[in-house]
Amino acid sequence: MNEEFKRKLSSRKLWMALAAFITSVLVLFGMDGDTITKVAAMVMALGSVTAYTLAEGYVDGQREKKDKVEQIE
């Protein structure tokens, strides 16, 4: 996966913007407040899990790269 794409997916700003957009669309279509709250919470939960997963993958990859360099030396 492209590093730039990973970085964007792990951006809190992206997930906040997405939650705000979806919330606005739900309000536009007259959804009740409870549904809007639940959907916004799910978007933010997905963002948190995505950011954590990508960050951990990056850290693990850097550790592997460092270990390989140390083995060569």
PDB file of N, CA and C in Angstrom:
ATOM      1  N   MET A   1       0.850  -1.183   0.000  1.00  0.00           N
ATOM      2  CA  MET A   1       0.000   0.000   0.000  1.00  0.00           C
ATOM      3  C   MET A   1       0.891   1.239   0.000  1.00  0.00           C
ATOM      4  N   ASN A   2       0.547   2.219  -0.760  1.00  0.00           N
ATOM      5  CA  ASN A   2       1.292   3.456  -0.876  1.00  0.00           C
ATOM      6  C   ASN A   2       1.422   4.141   0.487  1.00  0.00           C
ATOM      7  N   GLU A   3       2.618   4.622   0.816  1.00  0.00           N
ATOM      8  CA  GLU A   3       2.865   5.274   2.110  1.00  0.00           C
ATOM      9  C   GLU A   3       1.995   6.518   2.281  1.00  0.00           C
ATOM     10  N   GLU A   4       1.821   7.282   1.217  1.00  0.00           N
ATOM     11  CA  GLU A   4       0.996   8.490   1.294  1.00  0.00           C
ATOM     12  C   GLU A   4      -0.459   8.131   1.601  1.00  0.00           C
ATOM     13  N   PHE A   5      -0.952   7.068   0.985  1.00  0.00           N
ATOM     14  CA  PHE A   5      -2.321   6.617   1.226  1.00  0.00           C
ATOM     15  C   PHE A   5      -2.478   6.151   2.673  1.00  0.00           C
ATOM     16  N   LYS A   6      -1.492   5.437   3.185  1.00  0.00           N
ATOM     17  CA  LYS A   6      -1.531   4.993   4.581  1.00  0.00           C
ATOM     18  C   LYS A   6      -1.561   6.183   5.529  1.00  0.00           C
ATOM     19  N   ARG A   7      -0.733   7.177   5.211  1.00  0.00           N
ATOM     20  CA  ARG A   7      -0.667   8.359   6.067  1.00  0.00           C
ATOM     21  C   ARG A   7      -2.015   9.082   6.096  1.00  0.00           C
ATOM     22  N   LYS A   8      -2.642   9.193   4.937  1.00  0.00           N
ATOM     23  CA  LYS A   8      -3.939   9.868   4.880  1.00  0.00           C
ATOM     24  C   LYS A   8      -5.012   9.085   5.627  1.00  0.00           C
ATOM     25  N   LEU A   9      -4.993   7.758   5.518  1.00  0.00           N
ATOM     26  CA  LEU A   9      -5.985   6.953   6.223  1.00  0.00           C
ATOM     27  C   LEU A   9      -5.826   7.036   7.736  1.00  0.00           C
ATOM     28  N   SER A  10      -4.627   7.305   8.187  1.00  0.00           N
ATOM     29  CA  SER A  10      -4.405   7.383   9.629  1.00  0.00           C
ATOM     30  C   SER A  10      -4.603   8.806  10.170  1.00  0.00           C
ATOM     31  N   SER A  11      -5.007   9.719   9.314  1.00  0.00           N
ATOM     32  CA  SER A  11      -5.211  11.112   9.711  1.00  0.00           C
ATOM     33  C   SER A  11      -6.511  11.283  10.500  1.00  0.00           C
ATOM     34  N   ARG A  12      -6.395  11.843  11.695  1.00  0.00           N
ATOM     35  CA  ARG A  12      -7.593  12.135  12.493  1.00  0.00           C
ATOM     36  C   ARG A  12      -8.457  13.185  11.815  1.00  0.00           C
ATOM     37  N   LYS A  13      -7.812  14.104  11.098  1.00  0.00           N
ATOM     38  CA  LYS A  13      -8.559  15.140  10.389  1.00  0.00           C
ATOM     39  C   LYS A  13      -9.467  14.525   9.326  1.00  0.00           C
ATOM     40  N   LEU A  14      -8.969  13.519   8.617  1.00  0.00           N
ATOM     41  CA  LEU A  14      -9.780  12.846   7.607  1.00  0.00           C
ATOM     42  C   LEU A  14     -11.019  12.222   8.238  1.00  0.00           C
ATOM     43  N   TRP A  15     -10.839  11.499   9.334  1.00  0.00           N
ATOM     44  CA  TRP A  15     -11.957  10.805   9.970  1.00  0.00           C
ATOM     45  C   TRP A  15     -12.948  11.791  10.591  1.00  0.00           C
ATOM     46  N   MET A  16     -12.456  12.915  11.120  1.00  0.00           N
ATOM     47  CA  MET A  16     -13.359  13.936  11.650  1.00  0.00           C
ATOM     48  C   MET A  16     -14.163  14.571  10.513  1.00  0.00           C
ATOM     49  N   ALA A  17     -13.501  14.834   9.388  1.00  0.00           N
ATOM     50  CA  ALA A  17     -14.193  15.408   8.239  1.00  0.00           C
ATOM     51  C   ALA A  17     -15.238  14.440   7.703  1.00  0.00           C
ATOM     52  N   LEU A  18     -14.898  13.168   7.651  1.00  0.00           N
ATOM     53  CA  LEU A  18     -15.840  12.155   7.176  1.00  0.00           C
ATOM     54  C   LEU A  18     -17.049  12.053   8.109  1.00  0.00           C
ATOM     55  N   ALA A  19     -16.795  12.059   9.406  1.00  0.00           N
ATOM     56  CA  ALA A  19     -17.893  12.004  10.379  1.00  0.00           C
ATOM     57  C   ALA A  19     -18.781  13.240  10.249  1.00  0.00           C
ATOM     58  N   ALA A  20     -18.178  14.401  10.066  1.00  0.00           N
ATOM     59  CA  ALA A  20     -18.956  15.635   9.919  1.00  0.00           C
ATOM     60  C   ALA A  20     -19.793  15.596   8.641  1.00  0.00           C
ATOM     61  N   PHE A  21     -19.206  15.103   7.563  1.00  0.00           N
ATOM     62  CA  PHE A  21     -19.940  15.014   6.301  1.00  0.00           C
ATOM     63  C   PHE A  21     -21.132  14.067   6.413  1.00  0.00           C
ATOM     64  N   ILE A  22     -20.880  12.879   6.957  1.00  0.00           N
ATOM     65  CA  ILE A  22     -21.956  11.894   7.090  1.00  0.00           C
ATOM     66  C   ILE A  22     -23.044  12.415   8.025  1.00  0.00           C
ATOM     67  N   THR A  23     -22.632  13.057   9.121  1.00  0.00           N
ATOM     68  CA  THR A  23     -23.603  13.629  10.051  1.00  0.00           C
ATOM     69  C   THR A  23     -24.474  14.673   9.347  1.00  0.00           C
ATOM     70  N   SER A  24     -23.840  15.523   8.555  1.00  0.00           N
ATOM     71  CA  SER A  24     -24.584  16.549   7.825  1.00  0.00           C
ATOM     72  C   SER A  24     -25.575  15.939   6.846  1.00  0.00           C
ATOM     73  N   VAL A  25     -25.161  14.886   6.153  1.00  0.00           N
ATOM     74  CA  VAL A  25     -26.064  14.214   5.207  1.00  0.00           C
ATOM     75  C   VAL A  25     -27.243  13.589   5.945  1.00  0.00           C
ATOM     76  N   LEU A  26     -26.984  12.977   7.085  1.00  0.00           N
ATOM     77  CA  LEU A  26     -28.065  12.379   7.863  1.00  0.00           C
ATOM     78  C   LEU A  26     -29.055  13.430   8.359  1.00  0.00           C
ATOM     79  N   VAL A  27     -28.539  14.581   8.782  1.00  0.00           N
ATOM     80  CA  VAL A  27     -29.413  15.672   9.206  1.00  0.00           C
ATOM     81  C   VAL A  27     -30.244  16.150   8.013  1.00  0.00           C
ATOM     82  N   LEU A  28     -29.603  16.267   6.863  1.00  0.00           N
ATOM     83  CA  LEU A  28     -30.305  16.703   5.654  1.00  0.00           C
ATOM     84  C   LEU A  28     -31.495  15.795   5.336  1.00  0.00           C
ATOM     85  N   PHE A  29     -31.320  14.493   5.534  1.00  0.00           N
ATOM     86  CA  PHE A  29     -32.383  13.542   5.229  1.00  0.00           C
ATOM     87  C   PHE A  29     -33.327  13.290   6.407  1.00  0.00           C
ATOM     88  N   GLY A  30     -33.193  14.085   7.466  1.00  0.00           N
ATOM     89  CA  GLY A  30     -34.147  14.050   8.565  1.00  0.00           C
ATOM     90  C   GLY A  30     -34.033  12.866   9.510  1.00  0.00           C
ATOM     91  N   MET A  31     -32.848  12.298   9.631  1.00  0.00           N
ATOM     92  CA  MET A  31     -32.664  11.190  10.563  1.00  0.00           C
ATOM     93  C   MET A  31     -32.744  11.718  11.996  1.00  0.00           C
ATOM     94  N   ASP A  32     -33.140  10.839  12.915  1.00  0.00           N
ATOM     95  CA  ASP A  32     -33.241  11.265  14.311  1.00  0.00           C
ATOM     96  C   ASP A  32     -31.844  11.363  14.940  1.00  0.00           C
ATOM     97  N   GLY A  33     -31.760  12.124  16.012  1.00  0.00           N
ATOM     98  CA  GLY A  33     -30.482  12.386  16.667  1.00  0.00           C
ATOM     99  C   GLY A  33     -29.772  11.142  17.153  1.00  0.00           C
ATOM    100  N   ASP A  34     -30.529  10.159  17.609  1.00  0.00           N
ATOM    101  CA  ASP A  34     -29.925   8.924  18.105  1.00  0.00           C
ATOM    102  C   ASP A  34     -29.190   8.175  16.985  1.00  0.00           C
ATOM    103  N   THR A  35     -29.816   8.104  15.842  1.00  0.00           N
ATOM    104  CA  THR A  35     -29.192   7.434  14.695  1.00  0.00           C
ATOM    105  C   THR A  35     -27.944   8.177  14.251  1.00  0.00           C
ATOM    106  N   ILE A  36     -28.023   9.490  14.209  1.00  0.00           N
ATOM    107  CA  ILE A  36     -26.875  10.306  13.801  1.00  0.00           C
ATOM    108  C   ILE A  36     -25.710  10.095  14.759  1.00  0.00           C
ATOM    109  N   THR A  37     -25.993  10.072  16.038  1.00  0.00           N
ATOM    110  CA  THR A  37     -24.951   9.861  17.044  1.00  0.00           C
ATOM    111  C   THR A  37     -24.293   8.494  16.865  1.00  0.00           C
ATOM    112  N   LYS A  38     -25.089   7.485  16.633  1.00  0.00           N
ATOM    113  CA  LYS A  38     -24.546   6.132  16.457  1.00  0.00           C
ATOM    114  C   LYS A  38     -23.685   6.027  15.206  1.00  0.00           C
ATOM    115  N   VAL A  39     -24.135   6.619  14.120  1.00  0.00           N
ATOM    116  CA  VAL A  39     -23.361   6.567  12.874  1.00  0.00           C
ATOM    117  C   VAL A  39     -22.044   7.321  13.038  1.00  0.00           C
ATOM    118  N   ALA A  40     -22.089   8.510  13.630  1.00  0.00           N
ATOM    119  CA  ALA A  40     -20.861   9.284  13.847  1.00  0.00           C
ATOM    120  C   ALA A  40     -19.896   8.522  14.748  1.00  0.00           C
ATOM    121  N   ALA A  41     -20.425   7.863  15.763  1.00  0.00           N
ATOM    122  CA  ALA A  41     -19.559   7.072  16.651  1.00  0.00           C
ATOM    123  C   ALA A  41     -18.908   5.916  15.899  1.00  0.00           C
ATOM    124  N   MET A  42     -19.645   5.277  15.007  1.00  0.00           N
ATOM    125  CA  MET A  42     -19.083   4.166  14.234  1.00  0.00           C
ATOM    126  C   MET A  42     -17.996   4.645  13.272  1.00  0.00           C
ATOM    127  N   VAL A  43     -18.205   5.800  12.659  1.00  0.00           N
ATOM    128  CA  VAL A  43     -17.187   6.353  11.759  1.00  0.00           C
ATOM    129  C   VAL A  43     -15.909   6.643  12.543  1.00  0.00           C
ATOM    130  N   MET A  44     -16.044   7.244  13.711  1.00  0.00           N
ATOM    131  CA  MET A  44     -14.865   7.565  14.519  1.00  0.00           C
ATOM    132  C   MET A  44     -14.189   6.297  15.044  1.00  0.00           C
ATOM    133  N   ALA A  45     -14.969   5.291  15.383  1.00  0.00           N
ATOM    134  CA  ALA A  45     -14.378   4.021  15.826  1.00  0.00           C
ATOM    135  C   ALA A  45     -13.592   3.388  14.686  1.00  0.00           C
ATOM    136  N   LEU A  46     -14.154   3.409  13.494  1.00  0.00           N
ATOM    137  CA  LEU A  46     -13.447   2.859  12.333  1.00  0.00           C
ATOM    138  C   LEU A  46     -12.156   3.623  12.085  1.00  0.00           C
ATOM    139  N   GLY A  47     -12.213   4.942  12.223  1.00  0.00           N
ATOM    140  CA  GLY A  47     -11.014   5.762  12.051  1.00  0.00           C
ATOM    141  C   GLY A  47      -9.946   5.430  13.077  1.00  0.00           C
ATOM    142  N   SER A  48     -10.352   5.228  14.307  1.00  0.00           N
ATOM    143  CA  SER A  48      -9.396   4.889  15.372  1.00  0.00           C
ATOM    144  C   SER A  48      -8.719   3.548  15.110  1.00  0.00           C
ATOM    145  N   VAL A  49      -9.521   2.564  14.730  1.00  0.00           N
ATOM    146  CA  VAL A  49      -8.968   1.234  14.454  1.00  0.00           C
ATOM    147  C   VAL A  49      -8.032   1.284  13.251  1.00  0.00           C
ATOM    148  N   THR A  50      -8.433   2.004  12.215  1.00  0.00           N
ATOM    149  CA  THR A  50      -7.599   2.116  11.021  1.00  0.00           C
ATOM    150  C   THR A  50      -6.272   2.792  11.341  1.00  0.00           C
ATOM    151  N   ALA A  51      -6.318   3.905  12.055  1.00  0.00           N
ATOM    152  CA  ALA A  51      -5.094   4.623  12.411  1.00  0.00           C
ATOM    153  C   ALA A  51      -4.181   3.753  13.266  1.00  0.00           C
ATOM    154  N   TYR A  52      -4.740   3.060  14.238  1.00  0.00           N
ATOM    155  CA  TYR A  52      -3.935   2.194  15.099  1.00  0.00           C
ATOM    156  C   TYR A  52      -3.286   1.068  14.295  1.00  0.00           C
ATOM    157  N   THR A  53      -4.057   0.433  13.436  1.00  0.00           N
ATOM    158  CA  THR A  53      -3.541  -0.681  12.641  1.00  0.00           C
ATOM    159  C   THR A  53      -2.417  -0.218  11.721  1.00  0.00           C
ATOM    160  N   LEU A  54      -2.606   0.893  11.039  1.00  0.00           N
ATOM    161  CA  LEU A  54      -1.566   1.396  10.137  1.00  0.00           C
ATOM    162  C   LEU A  54      -0.321   1.824  10.908  1.00  0.00           C
ATOM    163  N   ALA A  55      -0.508   2.468  12.049  1.00  0.00           N
ATOM    164  CA  ALA A  55       0.647   2.892  12.845  1.00  0.00           C
ATOM    165  C   ALA A  55       1.441   1.693  13.348  1.00  0.00           C
ATOM    166  N   GLU A  56       0.753   0.683  13.831  1.00  0.00           N
ATOM    167  CA  GLU A  56       1.445  -0.519  14.307  1.00  0.00           C
ATOM    168  C   GLU A  56       2.158  -1.245  13.161  1.00  0.00           C
ATOM    169  N   GLY A  57       1.526  -1.285  11.999  1.00  0.00           N
ATOM    170  CA  GLY A  57       2.165  -1.895  10.835  1.00  0.00           C
ATOM    171  C   GLY A  57       3.424  -1.146  10.442  1.00  0.00           C
ATOM    172  N   TYR A  58       3.380   0.167  10.511  1.00  0.00           N
ATOM    173  CA  TYR A  58       4.543   0.982  10.189  1.00  0.00           C
ATOM    174  C   TYR A  58       5.677   0.724  11.177  1.00  0.00           C
ATOM    175  N   VAL A  59       5.338   0.725  12.461  1.00  0.00           N
ATOM    176  CA  VAL A  59       6.349   0.489  13.498  1.00  0.00           C
ATOM    177  C   VAL A  59       6.970  -0.897  13.323  1.00  0.00           C
ATOM    178  N   ASP A  60       6.151  -1.903  13.082  1.00  0.00           N
ATOM    179  CA  ASP A  60       6.674  -3.262  12.880  1.00  0.00           C
ATOM    180  C   ASP A  60       7.571  -3.330  11.656  1.00  0.00           C
ATOM    181  N   GLY A  61       7.179  -2.654  10.588  1.00  0.00           N
ATOM    182  CA  GLY A  61       7.997  -2.635   9.378  1.00  0.00           C
ATOM    183  C   GLY A  61       9.339  -1.971   9.611  1.00  0.00           C
ATOM    184  N   GLN A  62       9.348  -0.870  10.347  1.00  0.00           N
ATOM    185  CA  GLN A  62      10.600  -0.184  10.653  1.00  0.00           C
ATOM    186  C   GLN A  62      11.502  -1.054  11.533  1.00  0.00           C
ATOM    187  N   ARG A  63      10.899  -1.774  12.469  1.00  0.00           N
ATOM    188  CA  ARG A  63      11.665  -2.662  13.337  1.00  0.00           C
ATOM    189  C   ARG A  63      12.310  -3.778  12.506  1.00  0.00           C
ATOM    190  N   GLU A  64      11.548  -4.346  11.588  1.00  0.00           N
ATOM    191  CA  GLU A  64      12.077  -5.408  10.718  1.00  0.00           C
ATOM    192  C   GLU A  64      13.221  -4.879   9.861  1.00  0.00           C
ATOM    193  N   LYS A  65      13.058  -3.696   9.334  1.00  0.00           N
ATOM    194  CA  LYS A  65      14.098  -3.096   8.495  1.00  0.00           C
ATOM    195  C   LYS A  65      15.367  -2.889   9.318  1.00  0.00           C
ATOM    196  N   LYS A  66      15.215  -2.396  10.538  1.00  0.00           N
ATOM    197  CA  LYS A  66      16.358  -2.156  11.414  1.00  0.00           C
ATOM    198  C   LYS A  66      17.048  -3.477  11.756  1.00  0.00           C
ATOM    199  N   ASP A  67      16.262  -4.524  12.058  1.00  0.00           N
ATOM    200  CA  ASP A  67      16.828  -5.826  12.387  1.00  0.00           C
ATOM    201  C   ASP A  67      17.619  -6.397  11.216  1.00  0.00           C
ATOM    202  N   LYS A  68      17.129  -6.237   9.995  1.00  0.00           N
ATOM    203  CA  LYS A  68      17.839  -6.747   8.813  1.00  0.00           C
ATOM    204  C   LYS A  68      19.157  -6.007   8.597  1.00  0.00           C
ATOM    205  N   VAL A  69      19.132  -4.686   8.815  1.00  0.00           N
ATOM    206  CA  VAL A  69      20.365  -3.895   8.664  1.00  0.00           C
ATOM    207  C   VAL A  69      21.384  -4.334   9.711  1.00  0.00           C
ATOM    208  N   GLU A  70      20.941  -4.552  10.936  1.00  0.00           N
ATOM    209  CA  GLU A  70      21.855  -4.979  12.002  1.00  0.00           C
ATOM    210  C   GLU A  70      22.435  -6.355  11.707  1.00  0.00           C
ATOM    211  N   GLN A  71      21.665  -7.253  11.109  1.00  0.00           N
ATOM    212  CA  GLN A  71      22.153  -8.590  10.787  1.00  0.00           C
ATOM    213  C   GLN A  71      23.208  -8.534   9.697  1.00  0.00           C
ATOM    214  N   ILE A  72      23.049  -7.618   8.749  1.00  0.00           N
ATOM    215  CA  ILE A  72      24.003  -7.485   7.656  1.00  0.00           C
ATOM    216  C   ILE A  72      25.330  -6.947   8.177  1.00  0.00           C
ATOM    217  N   GLU A  73      25.260  -6.015   9.102  1.00  0.00           N
ATOM    218  CA  GLU A  73      26.483  -5.414   9.653  1.00  0.00           C
ATOM    219  C   GLU A  73      27.129  -6.396  10.560  1.00  0.00           C
TER     220      GLU A  73
END
